[in-house]
C-alpha atoms as a PDB file:
ATOM      1  CA  MET A   1       7.478  -3.420  -7.363  1.00  0.00           C
ATOM      2  CA  VAL A   2       4.672  -3.554 -10.705  1.00  0.00           C
ATOM      3  CA  ILE A   3       3.974  -7.090  -9.536  1.00  0.00           C
ATOM      4  CA  VAL A   4       3.482  -6.689  -6.191  1.00  0.00           C
ATOM      5  CA  ARG A   5       1.247  -3.264  -7.122  1.00  0.00           C
ATOM      6  CA  ASP A   6      -0.830  -5.536  -9.336  1.00  0.00           C
ATOM      7  CA  HIS A   7      -2.157  -8.293  -6.422  1.00  0.00           C
ATOM      8  CA  LEU A   8      -2.300  -6.061  -4.315  1.00  0.00           C
ATOM      9  CA  HIS A   9      -4.986  -4.190  -6.622  1.00  0.00           C
ATOM     10  CA  ALA A  10      -6.612  -7.405  -7.299  1.00  0.00           C
ATOM     11  CA  LEU A  11      -6.642  -8.506  -4.055  1.00  0.00           C
ATOM     12  CA  LEU A  12      -7.875  -5.435  -2.557  1.00  0.00           C
ATOM     13  CA  GLU A  13     -10.813  -5.362  -5.120  1.00  0.00           C
ATOM     14  CA  ALA A  14     -11.885  -8.607  -4.721  1.00  0.00           C
ATOM     15  CA  ARG A  15     -12.685  -7.278  -1.184  1.00  0.00           C
ATOM     16  CA  GLY A  16     -15.113  -4.579  -2.729  1.00  0.00           C
ATOM     17  CA  TYR A  17     -12.540  -2.431  -2.760  1.00  0.00           C
ATOM     18  CA  ALA A  18     -12.195   0.463  -5.596  1.00  0.00           C
ATOM     19  CA  VAL A  19      -8.729   0.848  -5.623  1.00  0.00           C
ATOM     20  CA  LYS A  20      -5.834   3.078  -7.449  1.00  0.00           C
ATOM     21  CA  ILE A  21      -2.748   2.340  -7.045  1.00  0.00           C
ATOM     22  CA  ASP A  22       0.713   3.812  -8.255  1.00  0.00           C
ATOM     23  CA  ASN A  23       3.830   3.153  -7.278  1.00  0.00           C
ATOM     24  CA  GLN A  24       6.871   5.597  -6.818  1.00  0.00           C
ATOM     25  CA  SER A  25      10.050   4.634  -7.337  1.00  0.00           C
ATOM     26  CA  ILE A  26      12.567   6.509  -4.874  1.00  0.00           C
ATOM     27  CA  TRP A  27      15.900   6.624  -6.838  1.00  0.00           C
ATOM     28  CA  GLU A  28      13.501   8.514  -9.246  1.00  0.00           C
ATOM     29  CA  ASN A  29      11.767  10.827  -7.230  1.00  0.00           C
ATOM     30  CA  SER A  30      12.900  10.755  -3.488  1.00  0.00           C
ATOM     31  CA  SER A  31       9.967  13.288  -2.138  1.00  0.00           C
ATOM     32  CA  PRO A  32       7.213  11.941   0.301  1.00  0.00           C
ATOM     33  CA  PRO A  33       4.187  11.149  -2.216  1.00  0.00           C
ATOM     34  CA  GLU A  34       1.618  13.721  -2.316  1.00  0.00           C
ATOM     35  CA  HIS A  35      -2.030  13.890  -2.615  1.00  0.00           C
ATOM     36  CA  VAL A  36      -2.607  10.090  -1.565  1.00  0.00           C
ATOM     37  CA  ASP A  37      -5.218   8.224   0.833  1.00  0.00           C
ATOM     38  CA  LEU A  38      -2.680   5.295   2.160  1.00  0.00           C
ATOM     39  CA  VAL A  39       1.428   4.344   1.809  1.00  0.00           C
ATOM     40  CA  PHE A  40       3.253   0.696   1.046  1.00  0.00           C
ATOM     41  CA  GLN A  41       6.598   0.802   1.198  1.00  0.00           C
ATOM     42  CA  LEU A  42       8.775  -1.723  -0.185  1.00  0.00           C
ATOM     43  CA  ILE A  43      11.786  -0.534   2.142  1.00  0.00           C
ATOM     44  CA  PRO A  44      11.534   2.068   4.774  1.00  0.00           C
ATOM     45  CA  ALA A  45      12.005   5.220   2.460  1.00  0.00           C
ATOM     46  CA  PHE A  46       9.611   7.681   4.561  1.00  0.00           C
ATOM     47  CA  THR A  47       9.299   8.308   8.343  1.00  0.00           C
ATOM     48  CA  PRO A  48       5.740   8.900   9.398  1.00  0.00           C
ATOM     49  CA  SER A  49       6.442  12.595  10.498  1.00  0.00           C
ATOM     50  CA  GLU A  50       7.277  12.627   6.338  1.00  0.00           C
ATOM     51  CA  LEU A  51       3.862  11.714   5.385  1.00  0.00           C
ATOM     52  CA  THR A  52       0.559  12.731   5.401  1.00  0.00           C
ATOM     53  CA  CYS A  53      -1.343   9.770   5.627  1.00  0.00           C
ATOM     54  CA  PRO A  54      -0.766   5.938   7.426  1.00  0.00           C
ATOM     55  CA  SER A  55       1.612   4.024   6.005  1.00  0.00           C
ATOM     56  CA  LEU A  56       2.520   0.079   5.863  1.00  0.00           C
ATOM     57  CA  HIS A  57       6.120  -1.860   5.309  1.00  0.00           C
ATOM     58  CA  ILE A  58       4.961  -4.396   2.789  1.00  0.00           C
ATOM     59  CA  ARG A  59       8.704  -6.069   2.045  1.00  0.00           C
ATOM     60  CA  PRO A  60       7.678  -9.682   2.772  1.00  0.00           C
ATOM     61  CA  LEU A  61       5.884  -9.476  -0.392  1.00  0.00           C
ATOM     62  CA  LEU A  62       8.235  -9.482  -2.840  1.00  0.00           C
ATOM     63  CA  LYS A  63       9.636 -12.900  -1.372  1.00  0.00           C
ATOM     64  CA  ASP A  64       5.652 -14.309  -1.101  1.00  0.00           C
ATOM     65  CA  LEU A  65       3.213 -12.175  -2.504  1.00  0.00           C
ATOM     66  CA  ASP A  66       0.792 -14.044  -0.395  1.00  0.00           C
ATOM     67  CA  ASP A  67       2.590 -13.381   3.284  1.00  0.00           C
ATOM     68  CA  GLN A  68       0.071 -14.124   5.156  1.00  0.00           C
ATOM     69  CA  GLU A  69       1.334 -11.713   8.402  1.00  0.00           C
ATOM     70  CA  THR A  70       1.289  -8.905   5.246  1.00  0.00           C
ATOM     71  CA  LEU A  71      -1.558  -9.152   3.904  1.00  0.00           C
ATOM     72  CA  GLU A  72      -3.493  -9.318   7.072  1.00  0.00           C
ATOM     73  CA  ASN A  73      -1.829  -5.647   8.182  1.00  0.00           C
ATOM     74  CA  VAL A  74      -2.961  -4.665   4.636  1.00  0.00           C
ATOM     75  CA  TYR A  75      -6.173  -5.704   4.756  1.00  0.00           C
ATOM     76  CA  ARG A  76      -6.592  -4.545   8.792  1.00  0.00           C
ATOM     77  CA  ILE A  77      -5.157  -1.155   7.689  1.00  0.00           C
ATOM     78  CA  VAL A  78      -7.218  -0.150   4.751  1.00  0.00           C
ATOM     79  CA  GLU A  79     -10.727  -1.903   6.878  1.00  0.00           C
ATOM     80  CA  GLU A  80      -9.358   0.582   9.539  1.00  0.00           C
ATOM     81  CA  TYR A  81      -9.123   3.868   7.179  1.00  0.00           C
ATOM     82  CA  TYR A  82     -11.330   2.624   4.605  1.00  0.00           C
ATOM     83  CA  PRO A  83     -14.531   0.759   6.361  1.00  0.00           C
ATOM     84  CA  VAL A  84     -16.886   1.214   3.440  1.00  0.00           C
ATOM     85  CA  SER A  85     -15.851   0.231   0.224  1.00  0.00           C
ATOM     86  CA  THR A  86     -15.640   3.627  -1.101  1.00  0.00           C
ATOM     87  CA  LEU A  87     -12.105   4.166  -2.507  1.00  0.00           C
ATOM     88  CA  SER A  88     -11.277   5.390  -6.218  1.00  0.00           C
END
């Protein structure tokens, strides 16, 4: 989980996004995350109706940190919701 988080952080920063990525273990806190702009889910823990922001499943990154289909989806959703590099 931490390795995936750090890898995504580096990839998004390389694209000009000043991001803050936190992780939440559903085993420690099963409540949907609050005060977030986007949720990346390694396992499908929350449905869209439980979240107040977009969500993307990124489980393939556990096997391959550079899974092209998953990364393309990450870039697409980030660019769709945040077209200007203003995340902080």
